[in-house]
């Protein structure tokens, strides 16, 4: 099943990216990432951690 992704704006230059993927109703991948806009481009603040849940 394809994952779902959401962008939640905190301010005009800060947002949170949320991604998750499910399989048979269970979350199997999950990621949250903070991004800032600088020089007109969105950049991640830290390297996202994608965890596979067994």
Protein backbone atom coordinates (compact mmCIF):
# COMPACT_ATOMS: atom_id res chain seq x y z
CA UNK A 1 0.00 0.00 0.00
CA UNK A 2 1.34 3.47 -0.81
CA UNK A 3 2.25 5.72 2.07
CA UNK A 4 0.58 8.93 3.16
CA UNK A 5 2.41 12.23 3.53
CA UNK A 6 1.33 15.43 5.28
CA UNK A 7 2.89 18.89 5.48
CA UNK A 8 1.99 20.99 8.52
CA UNK A 9 2.99 24.64 8.39
CA UNK A 10 4.35 26.10 11.64
CA UNK A 11 5.20 29.52 10.15
CA UNK A 12 5.86 30.96 6.69
CA UNK A 13 9.38 29.47 6.78
CA UNK A 14 8.99 26.38 9.00
CA UNK A 15 7.02 23.18 8.47
CA UNK A 16 6.78 19.57 9.56
CA UNK A 17 6.73 16.70 7.07
CA UNK A 18 5.04 13.50 8.27
CA UNK A 19 5.04 10.22 6.35
CA UNK A 20 3.67 6.82 7.23
CA UNK A 21 2.94 3.58 5.42
CA UNK A 22 0.71 0.78 6.61
CA UNK A 23 0.36 -2.88 5.77
CA UNK A 24 -2.80 -4.72 6.83
CA UNK A 25 -3.70 -1.85 9.16
CA UNK A 26 -0.32 -1.79 10.95
CA UNK A 27 2.21 1.03 10.62
CA UNK A 28 5.34 -0.38 8.97
CA UNK A 29 7.18 2.89 8.18
CA UNK A 30 7.04 6.28 9.91
CA UNK A 31 8.99 9.53 9.47
CA UNK A 32 8.75 13.06 10.89
CA UNK A 33 11.02 15.82 9.59
CA UNK A 34 11.37 19.52 10.41
CA UNK A 35 12.07 21.76 7.39
CA UNK A 36 12.95 25.44 7.09
CA UNK A 37 12.77 27.74 4.09
CA UNK A 38 16.02 29.53 3.37
CA UNK A 39 16.97 31.36 0.20
CA UNK A 40 13.59 30.40 -1.27
CA UNK A 41 14.24 26.65 -0.88
CA UNK A 42 12.94 24.17 1.68
CA UNK A 43 15.74 22.36 3.55
CA UNK A 44 15.56 19.59 6.13
CA UNK A 45 16.88 20.54 9.56
CA UNK A 46 18.14 17.06 10.32
CA UNK A 47 18.45 13.79 8.46
CA UNK A 48 15.10 11.99 8.60
CA UNK A 49 14.96 8.69 10.41
CA UNK A 50 12.83 6.12 8.64
CA UNK A 51 12.10 3.22 10.95
CA UNK A 52 10.67 -0.09 9.83
CA UNK A 53 8.43 -1.49 12.55
CA UNK A 54 8.55 -5.26 12.71
